[in-house]
N, C-alpha and C. Protein backbone atom coordinates (compact mmCIF):
# COMPACT_ATOMS: atom_id res chain seq x y z
N MET A 1 123.78 95.44 108.44
CA MET A 1 122.36 95.37 108.71
C MET A 1 122.06 94.02 109.36
N LYS A 2 121.33 94.05 110.46
CA LYS A 2 120.97 92.82 111.15
C LYS A 2 119.80 92.14 110.46
N ARG A 3 119.85 90.84 110.43
CA ARG A 3 118.71 90.08 109.89
C ARG A 3 117.66 89.95 110.97
N PHE A 4 116.42 90.04 110.55
CA PHE A 4 115.34 89.85 111.50
C PHE A 4 115.30 88.38 111.87
N ARG A 5 115.35 88.06 113.14
CA ARG A 5 115.53 86.68 113.59
C ARG A 5 114.23 85.90 113.75
N ASN A 6 113.11 86.56 113.70
CA ASN A 6 111.87 85.83 113.90
C ASN A 6 110.92 86.06 112.71
N PRO A 7 111.05 85.23 111.68
CA PRO A 7 110.20 85.44 110.50
C PRO A 7 108.72 85.17 110.76
N ILE A 8 108.39 84.43 111.80
CA ILE A 8 106.98 84.15 112.11
C ILE A 8 106.25 85.44 112.44
N ILE A 9 106.90 86.33 113.21
CA ILE A 9 106.27 87.61 113.55
C ILE A 9 106.04 88.44 112.29
N THR A 10 107.02 88.44 111.40
CA THR A 10 106.88 89.17 110.14
C THR A 10 105.71 88.63 109.33
N ILE A 11 105.62 87.32 109.22
CA ILE A 11 104.53 86.70 108.46
C ILE A 11 103.19 87.03 109.09
N LEU A 12 103.08 86.99 110.40
CA LEU A 12 101.82 87.31 111.07
C LEU A 12 101.44 88.78 110.87
N LEU A 13 102.40 89.67 110.92
CA LEU A 13 102.12 91.09 110.69
C LEU A 13 101.63 91.33 109.26
N ILE A 14 102.29 90.71 108.30
CA ILE A 14 101.88 90.86 106.91
C ILE A 14 100.48 90.28 106.69
N ALA A 15 100.22 89.11 107.26
CA ALA A 15 98.89 88.49 107.13
C ALA A 15 97.82 89.36 107.78
N GLY A 16 98.13 89.95 108.93
CA GLY A 16 97.17 90.83 109.61
C GLY A 16 96.86 92.07 108.79
N LEU A 17 97.88 92.69 108.22
CA LEU A 17 97.66 93.86 107.38
C LEU A 17 96.87 93.51 106.13
N ALA A 18 97.16 92.34 105.54
CA ALA A 18 96.42 91.91 104.36
C ALA A 18 94.95 91.68 104.71
N ALA A 19 94.68 91.10 105.87
CA ALA A 19 93.30 90.85 106.29
C ALA A 19 92.55 92.17 106.50
N ILE A 20 93.20 93.14 107.11
CA ILE A 20 92.57 94.45 107.33
C ILE A 20 92.27 95.11 105.98
N PHE A 21 93.25 95.08 105.07
CA PHE A 21 93.06 95.67 103.75
C PHE A 21 91.91 94.99 103.02
N TRP A 22 91.85 93.66 103.05
CA TRP A 22 90.79 92.90 102.38
C TRP A 22 89.42 93.27 102.95
N LYS A 23 89.32 93.34 104.27
CA LYS A 23 88.04 93.65 104.89
C LYS A 23 87.57 95.06 104.53
N LYS A 24 88.48 96.03 104.58
CA LYS A 24 88.11 97.41 104.24
C LYS A 24 87.71 97.52 102.77
N THR A 25 88.39 96.82 101.90
CA THR A 25 88.09 96.88 100.48
C THR A 25 86.73 96.25 100.19
N MET A 26 86.47 95.09 100.74
CA MET A 26 85.23 94.38 100.44
C MET A 26 84.02 94.97 101.16
N ALA A 27 84.22 95.69 102.24
CA ALA A 27 83.10 96.29 102.96
C ALA A 27 82.41 97.36 102.11
N ALA A 28 83.16 98.02 101.23
CA ALA A 28 82.59 99.07 100.40
C ALA A 28 81.81 98.51 99.21
N GLN A 29 81.98 97.24 98.90
CA GLN A 29 81.35 96.63 97.73
C GLN A 29 80.03 95.99 98.16
N VAL A 30 78.94 96.75 98.06
CA VAL A 30 77.66 96.23 98.53
C VAL A 30 76.73 95.78 97.41
N ALA A 31 76.95 96.26 96.20
CA ALA A 31 76.09 95.89 95.08
C ALA A 31 76.93 95.21 94.00
N THR A 32 76.35 94.19 93.37
CA THR A 32 77.03 93.47 92.29
C THR A 32 76.09 93.40 91.10
N CYS A 33 76.62 93.73 89.93
CA CYS A 33 75.81 93.70 88.70
C CYS A 33 76.54 92.96 87.59
N GLU A 34 75.75 92.34 86.73
CA GLU A 34 76.27 91.73 85.51
C GLU A 34 75.64 92.45 84.33
N VAL A 35 76.48 92.85 83.38
CA VAL A 35 76.03 93.58 82.20
C VAL A 35 76.56 92.87 80.96
N CYS A 36 75.69 92.70 79.97
CA CYS A 36 76.10 92.17 78.66
C CYS A 36 75.81 93.24 77.62
N VAL A 37 76.77 93.46 76.72
CA VAL A 37 76.59 94.43 75.64
C VAL A 37 76.81 93.74 74.31
N VAL A 38 76.10 94.23 73.30
CA VAL A 38 76.32 93.78 71.92
C VAL A 38 76.84 94.99 71.16
N PHE A 39 78.04 94.86 70.59
CA PHE A 39 78.65 95.96 69.87
C PHE A 39 79.55 95.39 68.78
N ASN A 40 79.48 95.96 67.59
CA ASN A 40 80.27 95.47 66.45
C ASN A 40 80.03 93.99 66.18
N GLY A 41 78.82 93.53 66.39
CA GLY A 41 78.48 92.14 66.14
C GLY A 41 79.01 91.17 67.17
N GLN A 42 79.54 91.67 68.25
CA GLN A 42 80.06 90.79 69.30
C GLN A 42 79.29 91.03 70.58
N ARG A 43 79.18 89.96 71.37
CA ARG A 43 78.50 90.07 72.67
C ARG A 43 79.53 89.81 73.76
N GLN A 44 79.56 90.69 74.75
CA GLN A 44 80.51 90.56 75.84
C GLN A 44 79.79 90.84 77.15
N CYS A 45 80.05 90.00 78.15
CA CYS A 45 79.45 90.19 79.48
C CYS A 45 80.54 90.45 80.50
N SER A 46 80.16 91.18 81.53
CA SER A 46 81.10 91.48 82.61
C SER A 46 80.34 91.64 83.91
N ARG A 47 81.01 91.35 85.00
CA ARG A 47 80.43 91.46 86.33
C ARG A 47 81.30 92.40 87.15
N ALA A 48 80.66 93.27 87.94
CA ALA A 48 81.41 94.21 88.78
C ALA A 48 80.63 94.49 90.05
N SER A 49 81.34 94.96 91.05
CA SER A 49 80.69 95.36 92.30
C SER A 49 81.07 96.79 92.62
N GLY A 50 80.25 97.43 93.44
CA GLY A 50 80.50 98.81 93.80
C GLY A 50 79.70 99.22 95.02
N GLU A 51 79.82 100.49 95.37
CA GLU A 51 79.13 101.00 96.55
C GLU A 51 77.63 101.13 96.34
N SER A 52 77.21 101.21 95.07
CA SER A 52 75.79 101.31 94.75
C SER A 52 75.52 100.49 93.49
N GLU A 53 74.23 100.22 93.25
CA GLU A 53 73.87 99.49 92.02
C GLU A 53 74.28 100.28 90.79
N LYS A 54 74.08 101.59 90.83
CA LYS A 54 74.42 102.44 89.68
C LYS A 54 75.92 102.36 89.37
N GLU A 55 76.75 102.45 90.40
CA GLU A 55 78.19 102.37 90.18
C GLU A 55 78.62 101.00 89.69
N ALA A 56 78.04 99.94 90.27
CA ALA A 56 78.38 98.58 89.85
C ALA A 56 77.97 98.34 88.40
N ALA A 57 76.79 98.81 88.02
CA ALA A 57 76.31 98.64 86.64
C ALA A 57 77.19 99.42 85.66
N ARG A 58 77.56 100.64 86.02
CA ARG A 58 78.41 101.47 85.15
C ARG A 58 79.78 100.82 84.96
N THR A 59 80.36 100.31 86.03
CA THR A 59 81.67 99.67 85.94
C THR A 59 81.60 98.40 85.11
N ALA A 60 80.57 97.58 85.32
CA ALA A 60 80.42 96.35 84.54
C ALA A 60 80.21 96.67 83.06
N HIS A 61 79.43 97.70 82.77
CA HIS A 61 79.17 98.10 81.38
C HIS A 61 80.48 98.53 80.70
N SER A 62 81.23 99.36 81.39
CA SER A 62 82.50 99.84 80.84
C SER A 62 83.49 98.69 80.62
N THR A 63 83.52 97.76 81.56
CA THR A 63 84.42 96.61 81.44
C THR A 63 84.00 95.70 80.29
N ALA A 64 82.70 95.53 80.10
CA ALA A 64 82.21 94.69 79.00
C ALA A 64 82.54 95.32 77.64
N CYS A 65 82.54 96.64 77.57
CA CYS A 65 82.84 97.31 76.30
C CYS A 65 84.30 97.21 75.90
N GLY A 66 85.18 97.03 76.85
CA GLY A 66 86.61 97.01 76.56
C GLY A 66 87.03 96.06 75.45
N PRO A 67 86.68 94.77 75.53
CA PRO A 67 87.14 93.83 74.50
C PRO A 67 86.47 93.97 73.13
N VAL A 68 85.29 94.60 73.06
CA VAL A 68 84.58 94.67 71.78
C VAL A 68 84.74 96.01 71.07
N ALA A 69 85.33 96.98 71.74
CA ALA A 69 85.52 98.30 71.14
C ALA A 69 86.99 98.53 70.84
N ASN A 70 87.27 99.04 69.65
CA ASN A 70 88.64 99.36 69.26
C ASN A 70 88.80 100.87 69.19
N GLY A 71 89.59 101.41 70.08
CA GLY A 71 89.83 102.85 70.08
C GLY A 71 88.84 103.60 70.93
N MET A 72 89.17 104.85 71.19
CA MET A 72 88.37 105.67 72.09
C MET A 72 86.99 105.98 71.53
N ASN A 73 86.88 106.24 70.24
CA ASN A 73 85.57 106.55 69.66
C ASN A 73 84.59 105.39 69.81
N GLU A 74 85.05 104.18 69.53
CA GLU A 74 84.17 103.01 69.68
C GLU A 74 83.86 102.75 71.15
N LYS A 75 84.83 102.99 72.02
CA LYS A 75 84.60 102.79 73.46
C LYS A 75 83.49 103.73 73.94
N ILE A 76 83.55 104.98 73.52
CA ILE A 76 82.51 105.95 73.90
C ILE A 76 81.17 105.54 73.31
N ALA A 77 81.16 105.08 72.05
CA ALA A 77 79.91 104.64 71.42
C ALA A 77 79.33 103.43 72.15
N CYS A 78 80.19 102.50 72.52
CA CYS A 78 79.72 101.30 73.24
C CYS A 78 79.18 101.67 74.62
N ASP A 79 79.89 102.56 75.32
CA ASP A 79 79.44 102.98 76.65
C ASP A 79 78.09 103.70 76.59
N SER A 80 77.77 104.29 75.43
CA SER A 80 76.51 105.03 75.29
C SER A 80 75.32 104.12 74.98
N ARG A 81 75.58 102.88 74.58
CA ARG A 81 74.49 101.95 74.23
C ARG A 81 73.83 101.39 75.47
N GLN A 82 72.56 101.03 75.29
CA GLN A 82 71.84 100.34 76.35
C GLN A 82 72.39 98.91 76.45
N PRO A 83 72.54 98.38 77.64
CA PRO A 83 73.02 97.00 77.76
C PRO A 83 71.97 96.01 77.27
N ASP A 84 72.46 94.89 76.74
CA ASP A 84 71.60 93.80 76.31
C ASP A 84 71.00 93.10 77.53
N VAL A 85 71.82 92.94 78.55
CA VAL A 85 71.40 92.31 79.81
C VAL A 85 71.92 93.17 80.95
N LEU A 86 71.09 93.41 81.95
CA LEU A 86 71.50 94.11 83.17
C LEU A 86 70.84 93.41 84.35
N ARG A 87 71.66 92.72 85.14
CA ARG A 87 71.18 92.02 86.32
C ARG A 87 71.98 92.48 87.52
N CYS A 88 71.31 92.91 88.56
CA CYS A 88 71.98 93.31 89.79
C CYS A 88 71.48 92.47 90.95
N ASP A 89 72.42 92.00 91.75
CA ASP A 89 72.07 91.26 92.95
C ASP A 89 71.57 92.24 94.01
N PRO A 90 70.64 91.81 94.85
CA PRO A 90 70.20 92.70 95.91
C PRO A 90 71.35 92.96 96.88
N PRO A 91 71.43 94.17 97.41
CA PRO A 91 72.51 94.47 98.35
C PRO A 91 72.44 93.58 99.58
N ALA A 92 73.61 93.27 100.10
CA ALA A 92 73.67 92.44 101.30
C ALA A 92 73.16 93.25 102.49
N PRO A 93 72.49 92.58 103.43
CA PRO A 93 71.96 93.32 104.59
C PRO A 93 73.05 93.83 105.50
């Protein structure tokens, strides 16, 4: 097997693909929300972004419940609670 003799081209190609991937991924994230939940006597906050405010809030809520809920039953109970704090940034123009 021949070794590729020009690593600069390889590095540039990888950097270009990474830039395209980053741009496509971040373009879909237009809304950002922060959610804080109180469950089992603990308070946990999380921040998430998504294609809509509703999706960003749901993802942040679910992520905040992770550390304070033990097991699937508690996770479902935590996800069903109203958040203590819900703040969403306005979508970027």
